[in-house]
C-alpha atoms as a PDB file:
ATOM      1  CA  MET A   1      95.546 130.579  72.918  1.00  0.00           C
ATOM      2  CA  PHE A   2      93.890 132.522  75.305  1.00  0.00           C
ATOM      3  CA  PHE A   3      90.613 130.191  75.194  1.00  0.00           C
ATOM      4  CA  THR A   4      93.106 127.234  75.907  1.00  0.00           C
ATOM      5  CA  VAL A   5      94.893 128.773  78.792  1.00  0.00           C
ATOM      6  CA  MET A   6      91.071 129.837  80.245  1.00  0.00           C
ATOM      7  CA  ALA A   7      90.092 126.213  79.468  1.00  0.00           C
ATOM      8  CA  MET A   8      93.070 124.449  80.769  1.00  0.00           C
ATOM      9  CA  ILE A   9      92.518 126.747  83.923  1.00  0.00           C
ATOM     10  CA  GLY A  10      88.716 126.343  84.635  1.00  0.00           C
ATOM     11  CA  VAL A  11      89.516 122.438  84.411  1.00  0.00           C
ATOM     12  CA  ALA A  12      92.126 122.514  87.211  1.00  0.00           C
ATOM     13  CA  VAL A  13      89.595 124.540  89.235  1.00  0.00           C
ATOM     14  CA  VAL A  14      86.956 122.180  88.606  1.00  0.00           C
ATOM     15  CA  LEU A  15      89.370 119.027  89.298  1.00  0.00           C
ATOM     16  CA  PHE A  16      90.362 120.603  92.451  1.00  0.00           C
ATOM     17  CA  ILE A  17      87.242 121.115  93.671  1.00  0.00           C
ATOM     18  CA  LEU A  18      86.176 117.594  93.066  1.00  0.00           C
ATOM     19  CA  SER A  19      88.675 116.348  94.819  1.00  0.00           C
ATOM     20  CA  PHE A  20      87.371 117.665  97.844  1.00  0.00           C
ATOM     21  CA  PHE A  21      84.490 115.201  97.364  1.00  0.00           C
ATOM     22  CA  LEU A  22      85.788 112.111  96.077  1.00  0.00           C
ATOM     23  CA  HIS A  23      86.353 109.163  98.315  1.00  0.00           C
ATOM     24  CA  ASP A  24      90.037 108.777  99.289  1.00  0.00           C
ATOM     25  CA  LYS A  25      90.877 105.010  98.751  1.00  0.00           C
ATOM     26  CA  PHE A  26      94.441 105.287 100.204  1.00  0.00           C
ATOM     27  CA  ALA A  27      92.802 106.071 103.677  1.00  0.00           C
ATOM     28  CA  ASP A  28      90.311 103.018 103.243  1.00  0.00           C
ATOM     29  CA  LEU A  29      94.015 100.872 102.450  1.00  0.00           C
ATOM     30  CA  GLU A  30      95.817 102.301 104.922  1.00  0.00           C
ATOM     31  CA  ASN A  31      92.629 101.369 107.387  1.00  0.00           C
ATOM     32  CA  GLN A  32      92.828  98.046 106.638  1.00  0.00           C
ATOM     33  CA  ILE A  33      96.193  97.575 106.438  1.00  0.00           C
ATOM     34  CA  GLU A  34      95.695  99.285 110.798  1.00  0.00           C
ATOM     35  CA  GLN A  35      93.643  96.617 111.018  1.00  0.00           C
ATOM     36  CA  PHE A  36      94.918  93.445 109.923  1.00  0.00           C
ATOM     37  CA  SER A  37      98.101  94.726 111.549  1.00  0.00           C
ATOM     38  CA  ILE A  38      95.902  94.708 115.072  1.00  0.00           C
ATOM     39  CA  THR A  39      94.710  91.659 114.309  1.00  0.00           C
ATOM     40  CA  THR A  40      97.503  89.765 113.612  1.00  0.00           C
ATOM     41  CA  MET A  41      99.277  91.550 117.276  1.00  0.00           C
ATOM     42  CA  GLN A  42      95.854  90.015 119.220  1.00  0.00           C
ATOM     43  CA  ASP A  43      96.441  86.728 117.314  1.00  0.00           C
ATOM     44  CA  THR A  44     100.001  86.437 117.622  1.00  0.00           C
ATOM     45  CA  TYR A  45      99.761  87.463 121.693  1.00  0.00           C
ATOM     46  CA  GLN A  46      97.082  84.921 122.176  1.00  0.00           C
ATOM     47  CA  MET A  47      98.329  82.116 120.431  1.00  0.00           C
ATOM     48  CA  LYS A  48     102.178  83.185 122.614  1.00  0.00           C
ATOM     49  CA  LYS A  49      99.929  82.727 126.071  1.00  0.00           C
ATOM     50  CA  LYS A  50      98.886  79.238 124.838  1.00  0.00           C
ATOM     51  CA  ILE A  51     101.749  77.891 124.285  1.00  0.00           C
ATOM     52  CA  LYS A  52     103.463  79.332 127.126  1.00  0.00           C
ATOM     53  CA  ILE A  53     100.307  77.588 129.518  1.00  0.00           C
ATOM     54  CA  LEU A  54     100.934  74.532 127.501  1.00  0.00           C
ATOM     55  CA  GLU A  55     104.430  74.532 127.894  1.00  0.00           C
ATOM     56  CA  GLU A  56     104.119  74.908 132.097  1.00  0.00           C
ATOM     57  CA  GLU A  57     101.829  72.253 132.146  1.00  0.00           C
ATOM     58  CA  LEU A  58     104.064  69.832 130.230  1.00  0.00           C
ATOM     59  CA  LEU A  59     106.924  70.777 132.593  1.00  0.00           C
ATOM     60  CA  SER A  60     104.727  69.903 135.616  1.00  0.00           C
ATOM     61  CA  ASP A  61     103.549  66.912 133.828  1.00  0.00           C
ATOM     62  CA  ASP A  62     107.399  66.044 133.387  1.00  0.00           C
ATOM     63  CA  ILE A  63     108.854  66.923 136.958  1.00  0.00           C
ATOM     64  CA  GLY A  64     104.972  64.710 138.095  1.00  0.00           C
ATOM     65  CA  GLN A  65     106.408  61.703 136.095  1.00  0.00           C
ATOM     66  CA  ASP A  66     109.908  61.989 137.492  1.00  0.00           C
ATOM     67  CA  LYS A  67     108.981  61.491 141.099  1.00  0.00           C
ATOM     68  CA  ARG A  68     107.246  58.397 140.431  1.00  0.00           C
END
């Protein structure tokens, strides 16, 4: 019984120490999601800006055609 408890404590200590040196996959995933979110927001902003410019051009063309 004593050896079993000591073995479990030893394994726990080794795993605890290993956890500091292992690569954190969740941090990578979080960074990827953050980058994707930033890219998506930038693309959305650019698309809205282009749509606004196109709408302004269409409105100015409509006004120009109405005067003829």
